[in-house]
C-alpha atoms as a PDB file:
ATOM      1  CA  MET A   1     -18.003  56.145  22.786  1.00  0.00           C
ATOM      2  CA  LEU A   2     -15.464  56.156  19.973  1.00  0.00           C
ATOM      3  CA  TYR A   3     -13.003  54.347  22.218  1.00  0.00           C
ATOM      4  CA  SER A   4     -15.561  51.600  22.957  1.00  0.00           C
ATOM      5  CA  ARG A   5     -16.224  51.134  19.265  1.00  0.00           C
ATOM      6  CA  ILE A   6     -12.507  50.785  18.583  1.00  0.00           C
ATOM      7  CA  ILE A   7     -12.179  48.120  21.298  1.00  0.00           C
ATOM      8  CA  PHE A   8     -15.236  46.259  19.945  1.00  0.00           C
ATOM      9  CA  LEU A   9     -13.844  46.365  16.387  1.00  0.00           C
ATOM     10  CA  GLY A  10     -10.487  45.060  17.594  1.00  0.00           C
ATOM     11  CA  LEU A  11     -12.090  42.153  19.468  1.00  0.00           C
ATOM     12  CA  TRP A  12     -14.225  41.312  16.440  1.00  0.00           C
ATOM     13  CA  LEU A  13     -11.192  41.202  14.157  1.00  0.00           C
ATOM     14  CA  VAL A  14      -9.349  38.995  16.641  1.00  0.00           C
ATOM     15  CA  SER A  15     -12.310  36.622  16.752  1.00  0.00           C
ATOM     16  CA  LEU A  16     -12.380  36.459  12.958  1.00  0.00           C
ATOM     17  CA  GLY A  17      -8.686  35.595  12.946  1.00  0.00           C
ATOM     18  CA  ALA A  18      -9.233  32.827  15.473  1.00  0.00           C
ATOM     19  CA  VAL A  19     -12.029  31.364  13.350  1.00  0.00           C
ATOM     20  CA  ALA A  20      -9.812  31.494  10.271  1.00  0.00           C
ATOM     21  CA  LEU A  21      -7.017  29.722  12.092  1.00  0.00           C
ATOM     22  CA  ARG A  22      -9.403  27.046  13.284  1.00  0.00           C
ATOM     23  CA  GLY A  23     -10.609  26.616   9.733  1.00  0.00           C
ATOM     24  CA  GLU A  24      -7.072  26.095   8.437  1.00  0.00           C
ATOM     25  CA  ALA A  25      -6.317  23.319  10.924  1.00  0.00           C
ATOM     26  CA  PRO A  26      -7.637  19.965   9.652  1.00  0.00           C
ATOM     27  CA  ALA A  27     -10.041  18.151  11.918  1.00  0.00           C
ATOM     28  CA  GLU A  28      -8.805  15.017  13.637  1.00  0.00           C
ATOM     29  CA  PRO A  29      -9.856  11.936  11.648  1.00  0.00           C
ATOM     30  CA  GLN A  30     -12.327   9.544  13.194  1.00  0.00           C
ATOM     31  CA  ARG A  31     -10.651   6.360  14.441  1.00  0.00           C
ATOM     32  CA  ILE A  32     -12.607   3.124  14.457  1.00  0.00           C
ATOM     33  CA  GLU A  33     -11.265  -0.295  15.375  1.00  0.00           C
ATOM     34  CA  GLY A  34     -12.243  -3.833  16.210  1.00  0.00           C
ATOM     35  CA  MET A  35     -11.352  -7.490  15.712  1.00  0.00           C
ATOM     36  CA  ILE A  36     -12.199 -10.006  12.988  1.00  0.00           C
ATOM     37  CA  ALA A  37     -11.323 -13.715  13.285  1.00  0.00           C
ATOM     38  CA  GLY A  38      -8.526 -12.949  15.757  1.00  0.00           C
ATOM     39  CA  ALA A  39      -7.057 -10.091  13.701  1.00  0.00           C
ATOM     40  CA  ARG A  40      -7.192  -6.585  15.123  1.00  0.00           C
ATOM     41  CA  TRP A  41      -8.004  -3.768  12.731  1.00  0.00           C
ATOM     42  CA  ALA A  42      -8.097   0.015  12.787  1.00  0.00           C
ATOM     43  CA  ALA A  43      -9.214   2.721  10.386  1.00  0.00           C
ATOM     44  CA  LEU A  44      -8.830   6.490  10.108  1.00  0.00           C
ATOM     45  CA  VAL A  45     -11.670   8.332   8.387  1.00  0.00           C
ATOM     46  CA  PRO A  46     -11.394  12.069   7.615  1.00  0.00           C
ATOM     47  CA  ASP A  47     -14.354  14.448   7.717  1.00  0.00           C
ATOM     48  CA  ASN A  48     -14.000  14.954   3.976  1.00  0.00           C
ATOM     49  CA  TRP A  49     -14.001  11.236   3.170  1.00  0.00           C
ATOM     50  CA  SER A  50     -14.310  10.874  -0.596  1.00  0.00           C
ATOM     51  CA  GLY A  51     -15.441   7.249  -0.661  1.00  0.00           C
ATOM     52  CA  ARG A  52     -11.890   6.054  -1.304  1.00  0.00           C
ATOM     53  CA  ILE A  53     -10.195   3.514   0.988  1.00  0.00           C
ATOM     54  CA  LEU A  54      -6.546   2.539   1.197  1.00  0.00           C
ATOM     55  CA  LEU A  55      -5.951  -0.813   2.921  1.00  0.00           C
ATOM     56  CA  GLU A  56      -2.440  -1.210   4.319  1.00  0.00           C
ATOM     57  CA  ALA A  57      -0.934  -4.706   4.507  1.00  0.00           C
ATOM     58  CA  PRO A  58       1.749  -4.782   7.241  1.00  0.00           C
ATOM     59  CA  ASP A  59       5.225  -6.242   6.826  1.00  0.00           C
ATOM     60  CA  LEU A  60       6.455  -9.446   8.449  1.00  0.00           C
ATOM     61  CA  ARG A  61       6.448  -9.543  12.248  1.00  0.00           C
ATOM     62  CA  HIS A  62       7.720 -12.437  14.322  1.00  0.00           C
ATOM     63  CA  ALA A  63       6.429 -13.802  17.627  1.00  0.00           C
ATOM     64  CA  PRO A  64       6.301 -12.732  20.413  1.00  0.00           C
ATOM     65  CA  THR A  65       5.405  -9.353  18.880  1.00  0.00           C
ATOM     66  CA  PRO A  66       1.834  -8.676  20.053  1.00  0.00           C
ATOM     67  CA  LEU A  67      -0.926  -8.406  17.476  1.00  0.00           C
ATOM     68  CA  ALA A  68      -1.699  -4.722  17.004  1.00  0.00           C
ATOM     69  CA  ALA A  69      -3.215  -2.676  14.179  1.00  0.00           C
ATOM     70  CA  GLU A  70      -0.621   0.091  13.922  1.00  0.00           C
ATOM     71  CA  LEU A  71      -1.965   3.220  12.242  1.00  0.00           C
ATOM     72  CA  ASP A  72      -0.482   6.663  12.952  1.00  0.00           C
ATOM     73  CA  ALA A  73      -2.387   9.668  11.618  1.00  0.00           C
ATOM     74  CA  ALA A  74       0.606  11.955  12.219  1.00  0.00           C
ATOM     75  CA  THR A  75       2.983  10.520   9.611  1.00  0.00           C
ATOM     76  CA  PRO A  76       3.524  12.807   6.601  1.00  0.00           C
ATOM     77  CA  ASP A  77       2.181  10.215   4.155  1.00  0.00           C
ATOM     78  CA  HIS A  78      -0.947   9.589   6.201  1.00  0.00           C
ATOM     79  CA  GLN A  79      -1.538  13.291   6.728  1.00  0.00           C
ATOM     80  CA  ALA A  80      -1.363  13.909   2.980  1.00  0.00           C
ATOM     81  CA  LEU A  81      -3.738  11.036   2.209  1.00  0.00           C
ATOM     82  CA  LEU A  82      -6.231  11.976   4.912  1.00  0.00           C
ATOM     83  CA  THR A  83      -6.229  15.593   3.736  1.00  0.00           C
ATOM     84  CA  ALA A  84      -7.003  14.342   0.219  1.00  0.00           C
ATOM     85  CA  GLY A  85     -10.054  12.501   1.544  1.00  0.00           C
ATOM     86  CA  TRP A  86      -8.710   8.957   1.780  1.00  0.00           C
ATOM     87  CA  ALA A  87      -9.793   6.625   4.560  1.00  0.00           C
ATOM     88  CA  ILE A  88      -6.868   4.450   5.680  1.00  0.00           C
ATOM     89  CA  ALA A  89      -7.213   1.067   7.342  1.00  0.00           C
ATOM     90  CA  THR A  90      -4.921  -1.749   8.424  1.00  0.00           C
ATOM     91  CA  THR A  91      -4.953  -5.138  10.133  1.00  0.00           C
ATOM     92  CA  SER A  92      -2.651  -6.915  12.562  1.00  0.00           C
ATOM     93  CA  TYR A  93      -3.307 -10.218  10.745  1.00  0.00           C
ATOM     94  CA  ARG A  94      -4.504 -13.095  12.870  1.00  0.00           C
ATOM     95  CA  ARG A  95      -0.984 -14.360  13.598  1.00  0.00           C
ATOM     96  CA  THR A  96       2.670 -13.400  13.236  1.00  0.00           C
ATOM     97  CA  GLY A  97       5.341 -14.913  11.021  1.00  0.00           C
ATOM     98  CA  PRO A  98       5.411 -15.394   7.237  1.00  0.00           C
ATOM     99  CA  ILE A  99       1.661 -15.252   6.639  1.00  0.00           C
ATOM    100  CA  LEU A 100       0.151 -14.983   3.170  1.00  0.00           C
ATOM    101  CA  VAL A 101      -3.043 -17.034   2.933  1.00  0.00           C
ATOM    102  CA  ASP A 102      -4.519 -15.850   6.234  1.00  0.00           C
ATOM    103  CA  ALA A 103      -3.287 -12.290   5.622  1.00  0.00           C
ATOM    104  CA  ILE A 104      -5.159 -12.047   2.322  1.00  0.00           C
ATOM    105  CA  GLU A 105      -8.292 -13.333   4.027  1.00  0.00           C
ATOM    106  CA  ASP A 106      -7.889 -10.747   6.809  1.00  0.00           C
ATOM    107  CA  LEU A 107      -7.684  -7.914   4.267  1.00  0.00           C
ATOM    108  CA  ARG A 108     -10.733  -9.173   2.394  1.00  0.00           C
ATOM    109  CA  ALA A 109     -12.657  -9.369   5.661  1.00  0.00           C
ATOM    110  CA  LEU A 110     -11.546  -5.849   6.587  1.00  0.00           C
ATOM    111  CA  ARG A 111     -12.817  -4.498   3.278  1.00  0.00           C
ATOM    112  CA  ASP A 112     -16.220  -6.063   3.973  1.00  0.00           C
ATOM    113  CA  ARG A 113     -16.299  -4.686   7.528  1.00  0.00           C
ATOM    114  CA  LEU A 114     -15.503  -1.154   6.350  1.00  0.00           C
ATOM    115  CA  ALA A 115     -18.316  -1.328   3.814  1.00  0.00           C
ATOM    116  CA  VAL A 116     -20.654  -1.961   6.751  1.00  0.00           C
ATOM    117  CA  GLU A 117     -19.098   0.678   9.012  1.00  0.00           C
ATOM    118  CA  LEU A 118     -18.756   3.453   6.412  1.00  0.00           C
ATOM    119  CA  GLY A 119     -21.052   2.527   3.572  1.00  0.00           C
ATOM    120  CA  ALA A 120     -20.090   1.128   0.191  1.00  0.00           C
ATOM    121  CA  PRO A 121     -16.803   2.682  -0.989  1.00  0.00           C
ATOM    122  CA  ARG A 122     -16.322   3.793  -4.578  1.00  0.00           C
ATOM    123  CA  LEU A 123     -12.643   2.812  -4.701  1.00  0.00           C
ATOM    124  CA  VAL A 124     -10.532   0.379  -2.654  1.00  0.00           C
ATOM    125  CA  LEU A 125      -6.773   0.114  -3.115  1.00  0.00           C
ATOM    126  CA  VAL A 126      -4.359  -2.198  -1.303  1.00  0.00           C
ATOM    127  CA  THR A 127      -0.782  -1.276  -0.436  1.00  0.00           C
ATOM    128  CA  GLY A 128       1.946  -2.863   1.630  1.00  0.00           C
ATOM    129  CA  VAL A 129       5.677  -2.869   2.359  1.00  0.00           C
ATOM    130  CA  GLY A 130       7.922  -5.951   2.315  1.00  0.00           C
ATOM    131  CA  MET A 131       5.701  -8.960   2.977  1.00  0.00           C
ATOM    132  CA  GLY A 132       2.770  -6.574   2.651  1.00  0.00           C
ATOM    133  CA  GLY A 133       4.046  -5.651  -0.823  1.00  0.00           C
ATOM    134  CA  LEU A 134       4.138  -9.331  -1.772  1.00  0.00           C
ATOM    135  CA  ILE A 135       0.583  -9.713  -0.438  1.00  0.00           C
ATOM    136  CA  ALA A 136      -0.550  -6.753  -2.566  1.00  0.00           C
ATOM    137  CA  THR A 137       1.088  -8.373  -5.605  1.00  0.00           C
ATOM    138  CA  LEU A 138      -0.547 -11.755  -4.965  1.00  0.00           C
ATOM    139  CA  MET A 139      -3.916 -10.065  -4.521  1.00  0.00           C
ATOM    140  CA  ALA A 140      -3.450  -8.222  -7.824  1.00  0.00           C
ATOM    141  CA  GLU A 141      -3.008 -11.623  -9.442  1.00  0.00           C
ATOM    142  CA  ARG A 142      -5.905 -13.371  -7.692  1.00  0.00           C
ATOM    143  CA  TYR A 143      -8.471 -10.856  -6.373  1.00  0.00           C
ATOM    144  CA  ALA A 144      -8.795  -8.244  -9.108  1.00  0.00           C
ATOM    145  CA  ASP A 145     -12.565  -8.644  -9.032  1.00  0.00           C
ATOM    146  CA  GLU A 146     -12.724  -7.576  -5.370  1.00  0.00           C
ATOM    147  CA  PHE A 147     -10.324  -4.610  -5.326  1.00  0.00           C
ATOM    148  CA  HIS A 148      -9.524  -1.844  -7.781  1.00  0.00           C
ATOM    149  CA  GLY A 149      -5.738  -1.482  -7.691  1.00  0.00           C
ATOM    150  CA  PHE A 150      -2.579  -2.374  -5.813  1.00  0.00           C
ATOM    151  CA  LEU A 151       0.572  -0.535  -4.687  1.00  0.00           C
ATOM    152  CA  ALA A 152       3.472  -2.824  -3.734  1.00  0.00           C
ATOM    153  CA  GLN A 153       6.277  -1.089  -1.846  1.00  0.00           C
ATOM    154  CA  ASP A 154       9.623  -2.908  -1.858  1.00  0.00           C
ATOM    155  CA  PRO A 155       7.802  -6.248  -2.130  1.00  0.00           C
ATOM    156  CA  SER A 156       9.503  -9.320  -0.673  1.00  0.00           C
ATOM    157  CA  LEU A 157       8.793 -11.311  -3.829  1.00  0.00           C
ATOM    158  CA  GLY A 158      10.962 -14.254  -2.749  1.00  0.00           C
ATOM    159  CA  LEU A 159       9.177 -14.759   0.585  1.00  0.00           C
ATOM    160  CA  ARG A 160       7.300 -18.020   1.132  1.00  0.00           C
ATOM    161  CA  ASP A 161       4.652 -18.951   3.647  1.00  0.00           C
ATOM    162  CA  PRO A 162       6.021 -22.205   5.152  1.00  0.00           C
ATOM    163  CA  ARG A 163       2.429 -23.448   5.475  1.00  0.00           C
ATOM    164  CA  ALA A 164       1.432 -22.560   1.897  1.00  0.00           C
ATOM    165  CA  LEU A 165       4.544 -23.125  -0.216  1.00  0.00           C
ATOM    166  CA  ARG A 166       2.530 -23.474  -3.425  1.00  0.00           C
ATOM    167  CA  LEU A 167       1.335 -19.880  -3.159  1.00  0.00           C
ATOM    168  CA  ARG A 168       3.690 -18.110  -5.556  1.00  0.00           C
ATOM    169  CA  CYS A 169       3.470 -15.236  -8.014  1.00  0.00           C
ATOM    170  CA  ASP A 170       2.195 -16.150 -11.476  1.00  0.00           C
ATOM    171  CA  HIS A 171       3.417 -12.809 -12.934  1.00  0.00           C
ATOM    172  CA  GLN A 172       0.012 -12.005 -14.388  1.00  0.00           C
ATOM    173  CA  PRO A 173      -1.574  -9.178 -12.360  1.00  0.00           C
ATOM    174  CA  ARG A 174      -5.198  -8.787 -13.348  1.00  0.00           C
ATOM    175  CA  ALA A 175      -5.620  -5.298 -11.906  1.00  0.00           C
ATOM    176  CA  PRO A 176      -3.486  -2.150 -12.019  1.00  0.00           C
ATOM    177  CA  LEU A 177      -0.274  -2.796 -10.069  1.00  0.00           C
ATOM    178  CA  LEU A 178       2.244  -0.053  -9.308  1.00  0.00           C
ATOM    179  CA  ILE A 179       5.508  -1.098  -7.658  1.00  0.00           C
ATOM    180  CA  LEU A 180       7.453   1.491  -5.658  1.00  0.00           C
ATOM    181  CA  PHE A 181      10.929   0.127  -4.973  1.00  0.00           C
ATOM    182  CA  GLY A 182      14.463   0.986  -3.936  1.00  0.00           C
ATOM    183  CA  PRO A 183      17.918  -0.570  -4.368  1.00  0.00           C
ATOM    184  CA  ALA A 184      17.320  -3.474  -1.961  1.00  0.00           C
ATOM    185  CA  THR A 185      14.466  -4.927  -4.033  1.00  0.00           C
ATOM    186  CA  ALA A 186      15.397  -3.633  -7.496  1.00  0.00           C
ATOM    187  CA  ALA A 187      16.565  -6.951  -8.984  1.00  0.00           C
ATOM    188  CA  GLU A 188      13.466  -8.890  -7.901  1.00  0.00           C
ATOM    189  CA  THR A 189      11.131  -6.084  -8.922  1.00  0.00           C
ATOM    190  CA  ILE A 190      12.577  -5.683 -12.413  1.00  0.00           C
ATOM    191  CA  ASP A 191      12.568  -9.459 -12.882  1.00  0.00           C
ATOM    192  CA  TYR A 192       8.863  -9.513 -11.961  1.00  0.00           C
ATOM    193  CA  GLU A 193       8.102  -6.730 -14.466  1.00  0.00           C
ATOM    194  CA  GLU A 194       9.968  -8.540 -17.238  1.00  0.00           C
ATOM    195  CA  ARG A 195       8.135 -11.794 -16.549  1.00  0.00           C
ATOM    196  CA  ALA A 196       4.796  -9.971 -16.416  1.00  0.00           C
ATOM    197  CA  ARG A 197       5.552  -8.251 -19.728  1.00  0.00           C
ATOM    198  CA  ALA A 198       6.482 -11.560 -21.346  1.00  0.00           C
ATOM    199  CA  ALA A 199       3.320 -13.262 -20.032  1.00  0.00           C
ATOM    200  CA  ALA A 200       0.957 -10.328 -20.696  1.00  0.00           C
ATOM    201  CA  ASN A 201      -2.359 -11.133 -22.327  1.00  0.00           C
ATOM    202  CA  ALA A 202      -5.769  -9.539 -22.819  1.00  0.00           C
ATOM    203  CA  GLU A 203      -6.693 -10.112 -19.156  1.00  0.00           C
ATOM    204  CA  SER A 204      -3.450  -9.112 -17.448  1.00  0.00           C
ATOM    205  CA  TYR A 205      -1.625  -5.865 -16.740  1.00  0.00           C
ATOM    206  CA  VAL A 206       2.037  -4.962 -17.024  1.00  0.00           C
ATOM    207  CA  PRO A 207       3.025  -3.390 -13.690  1.00  0.00           C
ATOM    208  CA  VAL A 208       4.339   0.169 -13.619  1.00  0.00           C
ATOM    209  CA  LEU A 209       7.657   0.669 -11.825  1.00  0.00           C
ATOM    210  CA  TRP A 210       8.606   3.724  -9.754  1.00  0.00           C
ATOM    211  CA  TYR A 211      12.149   3.775  -8.386  1.00  0.00           C
ATOM    212  CA  GLN A 212      12.990   5.577  -5.132  1.00  0.00           C
ATOM    213  CA  PRO A 213      16.715   6.298  -4.654  1.00  0.00           C
ATOM    214  CA  PRO A 214      18.116   6.237  -1.119  1.00  0.00           C
ATOM    215  CA  PRO A 215      17.673   9.485   0.837  1.00  0.00           C
ATOM    216  CA  GLY A 216      20.413  12.018   0.249  1.00  0.00           C
ATOM    217  CA  THR A 217      21.651  10.526  -3.038  1.00  0.00           C
ATOM    218  CA  VAL A 218      19.942  12.991  -5.419  1.00  0.00           C
ATOM    219  CA  ASP A 219      19.855  16.771  -5.596  1.00  0.00           C
ATOM    220  CA  ALA A 220      16.101  17.235  -6.185  1.00  0.00           C
ATOM    221  CA  PRO A 221      14.303  15.333  -3.401  1.00  0.00           C
ATOM    222  CA  THR A 222      11.033  17.196  -4.004  1.00  0.00           C
ATOM    223  CA  GLU A 223      10.774  15.509  -7.399  1.00  0.00           C
ATOM    224  CA  LEU A 224      11.132  11.977  -6.052  1.00  0.00           C
ATOM    225  CA  PRO A 225       8.226   9.516  -6.149  1.00  0.00           C
ATOM    226  CA  THR A 226       6.228   9.458  -2.906  1.00  0.00           C
ATOM    227  CA  VAL A 227       3.606   7.134  -1.512  1.00  0.00           C
ATOM    228  CA  PRO A 228       0.753   9.714  -1.716  1.00  0.00           C
ATOM    229  CA  ALA A 229       1.714  10.493  -5.323  1.00  0.00           C
ATOM    230  CA  ALA A 230       1.798   6.783  -6.138  1.00  0.00           C
ATOM    231  CA  VAL A 231      -1.624   6.261  -4.551  1.00  0.00           C
ATOM    232  CA  GLU A 232      -3.134   9.113  -6.574  1.00  0.00           C
ATOM    233  CA  ALA A 233      -1.455   7.880  -9.776  1.00  0.00           C
ATOM    234  CA  LEU A 234      -2.862   4.414  -9.164  1.00  0.00           C
ATOM    235  CA  ALA A 235      -6.344   5.830  -8.539  1.00  0.00           C
ATOM    236  CA  THR A 236      -6.124   7.784 -11.811  1.00  0.00           C
ATOM    237  CA  TRP A 237      -5.012   4.611 -13.628  1.00  0.00           C
ATOM    238  CA  VAL A 238      -8.089   2.813 -12.304  1.00  0.00           C
ATOM    239  CA  ALA A 239     -10.399   5.669 -13.325  1.00  0.00           C
ATOM    240  CA  THR A 240      -8.980   6.256 -16.806  1.00  0.00           C
ATOM    241  CA  SER A 241      -7.505   2.830 -17.716  1.00  0.00           C
ATOM    242  CA  ARG A 242      -4.315   4.690 -18.625  1.00  0.00           C
ATOM    243  CA  PRO A 243      -1.207   3.610 -16.712  1.00  0.00           C
ATOM    244  CA  PRO A 244       1.081   6.317 -15.323  1.00  0.00           C
ATOM    245  CA  ALA A 245       4.513   6.752 -16.819  1.00  0.00           C
ATOM    246  CA  PRO A 246       7.337   4.727 -15.241  1.00  0.00           C
ATOM    247  CA  ARG A 247       9.572   6.696 -12.851  1.00  0.00           C
ATOM    248  CA  LEU A 248      13.037   5.249 -13.403  1.00  0.00           C
ATOM    249  CA  GLU A 249      15.090   8.387 -13.960  1.00  0.00           C
ATOM    250  CA  TYR A 250      17.241   7.715 -10.883  1.00  0.00           C
ATOM    251  CA  LEU A 251      17.672   3.977 -11.419  1.00  0.00           C
ATOM    252  CA  PRO A 252      21.405   3.208 -11.741  1.00  0.00           C
ATOM    253  CA  ALA A 253      22.298   1.164 -14.810  1.00  0.00           C
ATOM    254  CA  ALA A 254      24.227  -1.997 -13.971  1.00  0.00           C
ATOM    255  CA  GLU A 255      24.017  -3.812 -17.300  1.00  0.00           C
ATOM    256  CA  GLU A 256      22.096  -3.825 -20.545  1.00  0.00           C
ATOM    257  CA  PRO A 257      18.401  -4.735 -20.131  1.00  0.00           C
ATOM    258  CA  SER A 258      17.229  -8.033 -21.552  1.00  0.00           C
ATOM    259  CA  HIS A 259      14.168  -6.375 -23.142  1.00  0.00           C
ATOM    260  CA  LYS A 260      14.218  -3.150 -25.113  1.00  0.00           C
ATOM    261  CA  ASP A 261      11.346  -1.692 -23.044  1.00  0.00           C
ATOM    262  CA  SER A 262      12.703  -2.887 -19.710  1.00  0.00           C
ATOM    263  CA  PRO A 263      14.963  -0.862 -17.398  1.00  0.00           C
ATOM    264  CA  ALA A 264      18.522  -1.917 -16.711  1.00  0.00           C
ATOM    265  CA  ARG A 265      18.789  -4.680 -14.140  1.00  0.00           C
ATOM    266  CA  PRO A 266      20.844  -4.037 -10.999  1.00  0.00           C
ATOM    267  CA  ALA A 267      22.994  -6.848  -9.734  1.00  0.00           C
ATOM    268  CA  PRO A 268      20.884  -9.401  -7.804  1.00  0.00           C
ATOM    269  CA  ARG A 269      21.325  -9.737  -4.094  1.00  0.00           C
ATOM    270  CA  ALA A 270      21.409 -12.895  -2.058  1.00  0.00           C
ATOM    271  CA  THR A 271      18.223 -13.656  -0.150  1.00  0.00           C
ATOM    272  CA  ALA A 272      17.778 -16.085   2.688  1.00  0.00           C
ATOM    273  CA  GLU A 273      14.751 -18.325   2.977  1.00  0.00           C
ATOM    274  CA  PRO A 274      12.485 -17.236   5.835  1.00  0.00           C
ATOM    275  CA  PRO A 275      12.718 -19.454   8.897  1.00  0.00           C
ATOM    276  CA  VAL A 276       9.880 -21.797   9.724  1.00  0.00           C
ATOM    277  CA  LEU A 277       8.342 -20.802  13.033  1.00  0.00           C
ATOM    278  CA  PRO A 278       7.014 -24.000  14.621  1.00  0.00           C
ATOM    279  CA  GLU A 279       5.440 -22.184  17.581  1.00  0.00           C
ATOM    280  CA  GLU A 280       2.927 -20.493  15.294  1.00  0.00           C
ATOM    281  CA  PRO A 281      -0.289 -22.235  14.199  1.00  0.00           C
ATOM    282  CA  PRO A 282      -1.056 -23.266  10.607  1.00  0.00           C
ATOM    283  CA  PRO A 283      -3.351 -21.244   8.332  1.00  0.00           C
ATOM    284  CA  THR A 284      -6.965 -21.086   9.438  1.00  0.00           C
ATOM    285  CA  VAL A 285      -8.368 -20.791   5.906  1.00  0.00           C
ATOM    286  CA  PRO A 286      -8.089 -23.379   3.105  1.00  0.00           C
ATOM    287  CA  VAL A 287      -4.801 -23.435   1.199  1.00  0.00           C
ATOM    288  CA  ASP A 288      -4.859 -23.678  -2.602  1.00  0.00           C
ATOM    289  CA  GLU A 289      -3.033 -26.916  -3.408  1.00  0.00           C
ATOM    290  CA  SER A 290      -3.023 -26.438  -7.197  1.00  0.00           C
ATOM    291  CA  PRO A 291       0.353 -26.082  -8.948  1.00  0.00           C
ATOM    292  CA  ALA A 292       2.004 -22.695  -8.751  1.00  0.00           C
ATOM    293  CA  GLY A 293       1.809 -20.373 -11.712  1.00  0.00           C
ATOM    294  CA  ARG A 294      -1.553 -21.552 -12.972  1.00  0.00           C
END
């Protein structure tokens, strides 16, 4: 009898351990996807969704790369964001190549679709790398009433849409804009911040700069700025109206800054104009023909 009780107690403890282990493992996020106006989209929604959405604007892709909404839940950044309750969504855009006007429209349409699929969100941020970072910057300047904040990662600020050449930065973001950048985009990023500071008014924001040194160049990698940390800092900025502190402690000084509050400017790098891709169709939404920098 005593032996049976011991076996039963052992099995019960094992079952409790299995339950605990299952509880520690995060549930797989729900994946939803579809197509809007020729652009494929996908979203990952965790069980603990907090009402916050991060829209990811992809970088430049050339034809014949197929249109695909690439969203991997297993990346460290995505895992951290999903665990924190963020829903993450992205679009393929409706075409490849240097695309700005249509890309912005695709992200706006995706925001509206997610509001239908998930219910009205309480916070929507936009982020992107390269061309996607430029798109986030342009949206901060022009669509502050539709989104809450923007995270531009190594933005390709010199990129032009061959079919919408008048669409350029006006250096007056009208929503919180945090720029996460490395050596390759340092000169353009710091120039943008200086111009934004010089043009700042009651309706615009001065972007906050976070510098990421190349991997392996510093001794304390755990202290480096990360995408999840930048997203949370941006969300706090939106909620409190208090910008986060700049993160420029690892930025190498190349010369004296032109403004006392501006970081040192690295030497500029040569940039090539993006090629015009004649095999790709023109924008499918109206192009603003007003002068740049209005």
